[in-house]
Amino acid sequence: MKEQWSLYLCLIVSLMCFTSCTTNINTAAVIPVATPTAIHTVSAGLSQTNFSFSDKEQQHYQLQSAATISKLRHGHKEFTIDIVDAERSLIIVFYGYTGPATYTLTNQINGGDVRITLDKQYWDLALIPSLSCSLVIQTDEPTTSPGIDHMRGKFTCPTLPAGHSNISRHAVAIDNGQFDISINVES
């Protein structure tokens, strides 16, 4: 019970700080009232991704990061998933995020990009701007850490072109990418 009151107090203080930063005094802020069952108690934690390259060898990868560097910016419209695990990383970006839904990432349309780096090799959707990948955001919920959401989703890329310096110049496909991340919510 004491934890709930502390959580309510933090919520009220956060809302007061948020509403005091508005520049238009004539605009009244409408703040929805949260019931005790509507408060999520998910904590921020490890960000991770799993994916396989769909080729004859079916190479499977899992990346994990304790750092929260993924971000939602500019009114939560600009979206960046960034999971770095030593010399391996997954970056997914696009503009136009509106919450859990299915998105088509295309560089020429919404700046959509998926880039996978494994050691010194990389595959990047932006190398051929007309290609696209699919992204499904299944959940996006606030955590108990202020300014951090917990997000789960999946992604598929029929073709990710190989980087210019790769040993193998063959494109790869990803049909089962998944992620479970903590994401900073800014601006």
C-alpha atoms as a PDB file:
ATOM      1  CA  MET A   1       0.000   0.000   0.000  1.00  0.00           C
ATOM      2  CA  LYS A   2       2.879   2.352   0.870  1.00  0.00           C
ATOM      3  CA  GLU A   3       4.436   1.623  -2.573  1.00  0.00           C
ATOM      4  CA  GLN A   4       1.163   2.576  -4.293  1.00  0.00           C
ATOM      5  CA  TRP A   5       1.018   5.912  -2.445  1.00  0.00           C
ATOM      6  CA  SER A   6       4.656   6.586  -3.356  1.00  0.00           C
ATOM      7  CA  LEU A   7       3.850   5.768  -6.969  1.00  0.00           C
ATOM      8  CA  TYR A   8       0.781   8.048  -6.893  1.00  0.00           C
ATOM      9  CA  LEU A   9       2.861  10.849  -5.376  1.00  0.00           C
ATOM     10  CA  CYS A  10       5.536  10.458  -8.092  1.00  0.00           C
ATOM     11  CA  LEU A  11       2.812  10.481 -10.763  1.00  0.00           C
ATOM     12  CA  ILE A  12       1.240  13.647  -9.366  1.00  0.00           C
ATOM     13  CA  VAL A  13       4.605  15.437  -9.049  1.00  0.00           C
ATOM     14  CA  SER A  14       5.536  14.388 -12.603  1.00  0.00           C
ATOM     15  CA  LEU A  15       2.235  15.667 -13.951  1.00  0.00           C
ATOM     16  CA  MET A  16       2.645  18.960 -12.085  1.00  0.00           C
ATOM     17  CA  CYS A  17       6.155  19.386 -13.517  1.00  0.00           C
ATOM     18  CA  PHE A  18       4.930  18.533 -17.009  1.00  0.00           C
ATOM     19  CA  THR A  19       1.987  20.917 -16.910  1.00  0.00           C
ATOM     20  CA  SER A  20       4.075  23.739 -15.389  1.00  0.00           C
ATOM     21  CA  CYS A  21       6.377  23.623 -18.438  1.00  0.00           C
ATOM     22  CA  THR A  22       3.632  24.579 -20.885  1.00  0.00           C
ATOM     23  CA  THR A  23       4.010  28.013 -22.478  1.00  0.00           C
ATOM     24  CA  ASN A  24       0.365  28.754 -23.274  1.00  0.00           C
ATOM     25  CA  ILE A  25      -1.354  29.817 -20.047  1.00  0.00           C
ATOM     26  CA  ASN A  26      -4.813  29.958 -21.679  1.00  0.00           C
ATOM     27  CA  THR A  27      -4.761  26.245 -22.561  1.00  0.00           C
ATOM     28  CA  ALA A  28      -6.145  23.954 -19.891  1.00  0.00           C
ATOM     29  CA  ALA A  29      -4.451  20.582 -19.581  1.00  0.00           C
ATOM     30  CA  VAL A  30      -6.767  17.615 -19.340  1.00  0.00           C
ATOM     31  CA  ILE A  31      -5.146  14.901 -17.247  1.00  0.00           C
ATOM     32  CA  PRO A  32      -6.767  11.481 -17.198  1.00  0.00           C
ATOM     33  CA  VAL A  33      -7.243  10.016 -13.751  1.00  0.00           C
ATOM     34  CA  ALA A  34      -5.562   6.635 -13.374  1.00  0.00           C
ATOM     35  CA  THR A  35      -7.222   3.971 -11.318  1.00  0.00           C
ATOM     36  CA  PRO A  36      -5.008   1.714  -9.168  1.00  0.00           C
ATOM     37  CA  THR A  37      -5.454  -1.155 -11.648  1.00  0.00           C
ATOM     38  CA  ALA A  38      -4.216   1.022 -14.553  1.00  0.00           C
ATOM     39  CA  ILE A  39      -0.738   1.548 -13.077  1.00  0.00           C
ATOM     40  CA  HIS A  40       1.878  -0.714 -14.614  1.00  0.00           C
ATOM     41  CA  THR A  41       4.578  -2.094 -12.375  1.00  0.00           C
ATOM     42  CA  VAL A  42       6.956  -3.248 -15.103  1.00  0.00           C
ATOM     43  CA  SER A  43      10.520  -2.268 -14.289  1.00  0.00           C
ATOM     44  CA  ALA A  44      13.111  -1.096 -16.792  1.00  0.00           C
ATOM     45  CA  GLY A  45      15.685  -3.746 -17.500  1.00  0.00           C
ATOM     46  CA  LEU A  46      17.676  -5.658 -20.036  1.00  0.00           C
ATOM     47  CA  SER A  47      17.114  -4.906 -23.724  1.00  0.00           C
ATOM     48  CA  GLN A  48      17.470  -7.872 -26.041  1.00  0.00           C
ATOM     49  CA  THR A  49      16.840  -9.081 -29.561  1.00  0.00           C
ATOM     50  CA  ASN A  50      16.781 -12.460 -31.283  1.00  0.00           C
ATOM     51  CA  PHE A  51      16.902 -12.950 -35.030  1.00  0.00           C
ATOM     52  CA  SER A  52      18.057 -15.432 -37.647  1.00  0.00           C
ATOM     53  CA  PHE A  53      19.464 -14.909 -41.084  1.00  0.00           C
ATOM     54  CA  SER A  54      17.296 -16.984 -43.407  1.00  0.00           C
ATOM     55  CA  ASP A  55      19.820 -18.716 -45.573  1.00  0.00           C
ATOM     56  CA  LYS A  56      21.099 -22.237 -45.972  1.00  0.00           C
ATOM     57  CA  GLU A  57      22.967 -22.102 -42.632  1.00  0.00           C
ATOM     58  CA  GLN A  58      20.105 -20.533 -40.555  1.00  0.00           C
ATOM     59  CA  GLN A  59      22.468 -18.460 -38.383  1.00  0.00           C
ATOM     60  CA  HIS A  60      20.772 -17.414 -35.116  1.00  0.00           C
ATOM     61  CA  TYR A  61      21.830 -14.397 -33.041  1.00  0.00           C
ATOM     62  CA  GLN A  62      20.899 -13.026 -29.633  1.00  0.00           C
ATOM     63  CA  LEU A  63      22.050  -9.577 -28.505  1.00  0.00           C
ATOM     64  CA  GLN A  64      21.616  -8.164 -24.998  1.00  0.00           C
ATOM     65  CA  SER A  65      22.316  -4.764 -23.487  1.00  0.00           C
ATOM     66  CA  ALA A  66      21.828  -3.409 -19.983  1.00  0.00           C
ATOM     67  CA  ALA A  67      22.108   0.180 -21.301  1.00  0.00           C
ATOM     68  CA  THR A  68      18.856   1.938 -22.219  1.00  0.00           C
ATOM     69  CA  ILE A  69      19.784   3.857 -25.389  1.00  0.00           C
ATOM     70  CA  SER A  70      16.671   3.277 -27.522  1.00  0.00           C
ATOM     71  CA  LYS A  71      14.526   6.426 -27.834  1.00  0.00           C
ATOM     72  CA  LEU A  72      11.131   7.887 -28.722  1.00  0.00           C
ATOM     73  CA  ARG A  73      11.551  11.595 -29.591  1.00  0.00           C
ATOM     74  CA  HIS A  74       9.765  14.607 -31.103  1.00  0.00           C
ATOM     75  CA  GLY A  75       6.350  14.029 -29.638  1.00  0.00           C
ATOM     76  CA  HIS A  76       7.073  10.283 -29.616  1.00  0.00           C
ATOM     77  CA  LYS A  77       7.014  10.181 -33.423  1.00  0.00           C
ATOM     78  CA  GLU A  78      10.729   9.562 -34.033  1.00  0.00           C
ATOM     79  CA  PHE A  79      11.578   6.010 -33.110  1.00  0.00           C
ATOM     80  CA  THR A  80      15.019   4.438 -32.584  1.00  0.00           C
ATOM     81  CA  ILE A  81      15.727   0.935 -31.298  1.00  0.00           C
ATOM     82  CA  ASP A  82      19.407   0.645 -30.505  1.00  0.00           C
ATOM     83  CA  ILE A  83      20.725  -2.559 -28.931  1.00  0.00           C
ATOM     84  CA  VAL A  84      24.513  -2.806 -28.707  1.00  0.00           C
ATOM     85  CA  ASP A  85      26.216  -5.988 -27.473  1.00  0.00           C
ATOM     86  CA  ALA A  86      30.010  -5.669 -27.762  1.00  0.00           C
ATOM     87  CA  GLU A  87      30.722  -5.493 -31.528  1.00  0.00           C
ATOM     88  CA  ARG A  88      27.198  -6.522 -32.513  1.00  0.00           C
ATOM     89  CA  SER A  89      24.193  -4.266 -32.799  1.00  0.00           C
ATOM     90  CA  LEU A  90      20.654  -3.849 -34.084  1.00  0.00           C
ATOM     91  CA  ILE A  91      19.380  -0.405 -35.031  1.00  0.00           C
ATOM     92  CA  ILE A  92      15.798   0.169 -36.224  1.00  0.00           C
ATOM     93  CA  VAL A  93      14.648   3.733 -36.978  1.00  0.00           C
ATOM     94  CA  PHE A  94      11.696   5.478 -38.603  1.00  0.00           C
ATOM     95  CA  TYR A  95       9.457   8.509 -38.271  1.00  0.00           C
ATOM     96  CA  GLY A  96       5.712   8.247 -37.718  1.00  0.00           C
ATOM     97  CA  TYR A  97       5.335   6.093 -34.596  1.00  0.00           C
ATOM     98  CA  THR A  98       1.786   6.208 -33.178  1.00  0.00           C
ATOM     99  CA  GLY A  99       1.892   3.336 -30.682  1.00  0.00           C
ATOM    100  CA  PRO A 100       1.507  -0.436 -30.958  1.00  0.00           C
ATOM    101  CA  ALA A 101       0.739  -1.272 -34.603  1.00  0.00           C
ATOM    102  CA  THR A 102       2.287  -2.698 -37.765  1.00  0.00           C
ATOM    103  CA  TYR A 103       4.657  -0.402 -39.678  1.00  0.00           C
ATOM    104  CA  THR A 104       6.362  -0.686 -43.038  1.00  0.00           C
ATOM    105  CA  LEU A 105       9.857   0.796 -42.861  1.00  0.00           C
ATOM    106  CA  THR A 106      11.016   2.292 -46.154  1.00  0.00           C
ATOM    107  CA  ASN A 107      13.872   4.775 -46.294  1.00  0.00           C
ATOM    108  CA  GLN A 108      12.298   6.924 -49.014  1.00  0.00           C
ATOM    109  CA  ILE A 109       8.919   7.175 -47.233  1.00  0.00           C
ATOM    110  CA  ASN A 110       9.491   7.389 -43.468  1.00  0.00           C
ATOM    111  CA  GLY A 111      13.281   7.270 -43.091  1.00  0.00           C
ATOM    112  CA  GLY A 112      12.867   3.610 -42.148  1.00  0.00           C
ATOM    113  CA  ASP A 113      16.077   1.713 -41.606  1.00  0.00           C
ATOM    114  CA  VAL A 114      17.184  -1.602 -40.148  1.00  0.00           C
ATOM    115  CA  ARG A 115      20.913  -2.095 -39.678  1.00  0.00           C
ATOM    116  CA  ILE A 116      22.558  -5.173 -38.200  1.00  0.00           C
ATOM    117  CA  THR A 117      26.252  -5.143 -37.367  1.00  0.00           C
ATOM    118  CA  LEU A 118      28.086  -8.353 -36.483  1.00  0.00           C
ATOM    119  CA  ASP A 119      31.743  -7.728 -35.709  1.00  0.00           C
ATOM    120  CA  LYS A 120      33.013  -5.785 -38.744  1.00  0.00           C
ATOM    121  CA  GLN A 121      30.242  -6.953 -41.114  1.00  0.00           C
ATOM    122  CA  TYR A 122      26.944  -5.119 -41.558  1.00  0.00           C
ATOM    123  CA  TRP A 123      23.646  -5.351 -43.435  1.00  0.00           C
ATOM    124  CA  ASP A 124      21.645  -2.171 -43.930  1.00  0.00           C
ATOM    125  CA  LEU A 125      18.199  -1.546 -45.435  1.00  0.00           C
ATOM    126  CA  ALA A 126      19.202   2.031 -46.378  1.00  0.00           C
ATOM    127  CA  LEU A 127      21.779   0.760 -48.901  1.00  0.00           C
ATOM    128  CA  ILE A 128      18.863   0.279 -51.324  1.00  0.00           C
ATOM    129  CA  PRO A 129      16.352   3.017 -50.333  1.00  0.00           C
ATOM    130  CA  SER A 130      13.375   1.418 -52.098  1.00  0.00           C
ATOM    131  CA  LEU A 131      13.503  -1.810 -50.015  1.00  0.00           C
ATOM    132  CA  SER A 132      11.295  -2.222 -46.959  1.00  0.00           C
ATOM    133  CA  CYS A 133      11.031  -4.177 -43.710  1.00  0.00           C
ATOM    134  CA  SER A 134       7.998  -4.846 -41.532  1.00  0.00           C
ATOM    135  CA  LEU A 135       7.900  -3.856 -37.856  1.00  0.00           C
ATOM    136  CA  VAL A 136       5.189  -4.890 -35.402  1.00  0.00           C
ATOM    137  CA  ILE A 137       5.067  -3.152 -32.021  1.00  0.00           C
ATOM    138  CA  GLN A 138       3.096  -5.525 -29.812  1.00  0.00           C
ATOM    139  CA  THR A 139       3.281  -3.603 -26.518  1.00  0.00           C
ATOM    140  CA  ASP A 140       4.547  -0.220 -25.333  1.00  0.00           C
ATOM    141  CA  GLU A 141       3.955   0.368 -21.620  1.00  0.00           C
ATOM    142  CA  PRO A 142       5.342   2.772 -19.023  1.00  0.00           C
ATOM    143  CA  THR A 143       7.661   1.252 -16.435  1.00  0.00           C
ATOM    144  CA  THR A 144       8.212   2.145 -12.809  1.00  0.00           C
ATOM    145  CA  SER A 145      11.241   4.187 -13.959  1.00  0.00           C
ATOM    146  CA  PRO A 146      10.164   7.702 -15.026  1.00  0.00           C
ATOM    147  CA  GLY A 147      10.693   8.374 -18.743  1.00  0.00           C
ATOM    148  CA  ILE A 148      11.285   4.710 -19.627  1.00  0.00           C
ATOM    149  CA  ASP A 149       8.831   2.457 -21.469  1.00  0.00           C
ATOM    150  CA  HIS A 150       8.951  -1.307 -21.915  1.00  0.00           C
ATOM    151  CA  MET A 151       8.405  -2.326 -25.536  1.00  0.00           C
ATOM    152  CA  ARG A 152       8.054  -5.676 -27.274  1.00  0.00           C
ATOM    153  CA  GLY A 153       7.784  -6.405 -30.947  1.00  0.00           C
ATOM    154  CA  LYS A 154       8.979  -8.266 -33.992  1.00  0.00           C
ATOM    155  CA  PHE A 155      10.455  -7.444 -37.371  1.00  0.00           C
ATOM    156  CA  THR A 156      11.000  -9.074 -40.744  1.00  0.00           C
ATOM    157  CA  CYS A 157      13.190  -8.022 -43.653  1.00  0.00           C
ATOM    158  CA  PRO A 158      12.890  -9.898 -46.949  1.00  0.00           C
ATOM    159  CA  THR A 159      16.205  -8.352 -48.047  1.00  0.00           C
ATOM    160  CA  LEU A 160      18.938  -6.614 -46.062  1.00  0.00           C
ATOM    161  CA  PRO A 161      21.769  -5.634 -48.435  1.00  0.00           C
ATOM    162  CA  ALA A 162      25.345  -6.442 -47.416  1.00  0.00           C
ATOM    163  CA  GLY A 163      27.672  -3.605 -46.470  1.00  0.00           C
ATOM    164  CA  HIS A 164      30.365  -2.426 -48.847  1.00  0.00           C
ATOM    165  CA  SER A 165      33.218  -3.830 -46.741  1.00  0.00           C
ATOM    166  CA  ASN A 166      31.606  -7.188 -45.944  1.00  0.00           C
ATOM    167  CA  ILE A 167      33.536 -10.359 -46.750  1.00  0.00           C
ATOM    168  CA  SER A 168      30.345 -11.846 -48.187  1.00  0.00           C
ATOM    169  CA  ARG A 169      28.497  -9.428 -50.452  1.00  0.00           C
ATOM    170  CA  HIS A 170      25.278 -11.482 -50.197  1.00  0.00           C
ATOM    171  CA  ALA A 171      22.108  -9.914 -48.860  1.00  0.00           C
ATOM    172  CA  VAL A 172      20.355 -11.654 -45.976  1.00  0.00           C
ATOM    173  CA  ALA A 173      16.705 -12.042 -45.004  1.00  0.00           C
ATOM    174  CA  ILE A 174      15.213 -11.979 -41.503  1.00  0.00           C
ATOM    175  CA  ASP A 175      11.843 -13.610 -41.000  1.00  0.00           C
ATOM    176  CA  ASN A 176      11.673 -14.009 -37.226  1.00  0.00           C
ATOM    177  CA  GLY A 177      13.283 -10.994 -35.530  1.00  0.00           C
ATOM    178  CA  GLN A 178      12.021 -10.208 -32.033  1.00  0.00           C
ATOM    179  CA  PHE A 179      12.914  -7.601 -29.430  1.00  0.00           C
ATOM    180  CA  ASP A 180      12.117  -6.843 -25.801  1.00  0.00           C
ATOM    181  CA  ILE A 181      13.541  -3.474 -24.787  1.00  0.00           C
ATOM    182  CA  SER A 182      13.561  -0.559 -22.421  1.00  0.00           C
ATOM    183  CA  ILE A 183      13.139   2.695 -24.370  1.00  0.00           C
ATOM    184  CA  ASN A 184      13.691   6.321 -23.298  1.00  0.00           C
ATOM    185  CA  VAL A 185      10.649   8.531 -23.870  1.00  0.00           C
ATOM    186  CA  GLU A 186      11.834  12.088 -24.622  1.00  0.00           C
ATOM    187  CA  SER A 187      10.180  15.401 -25.589  1.00  0.00           C
END
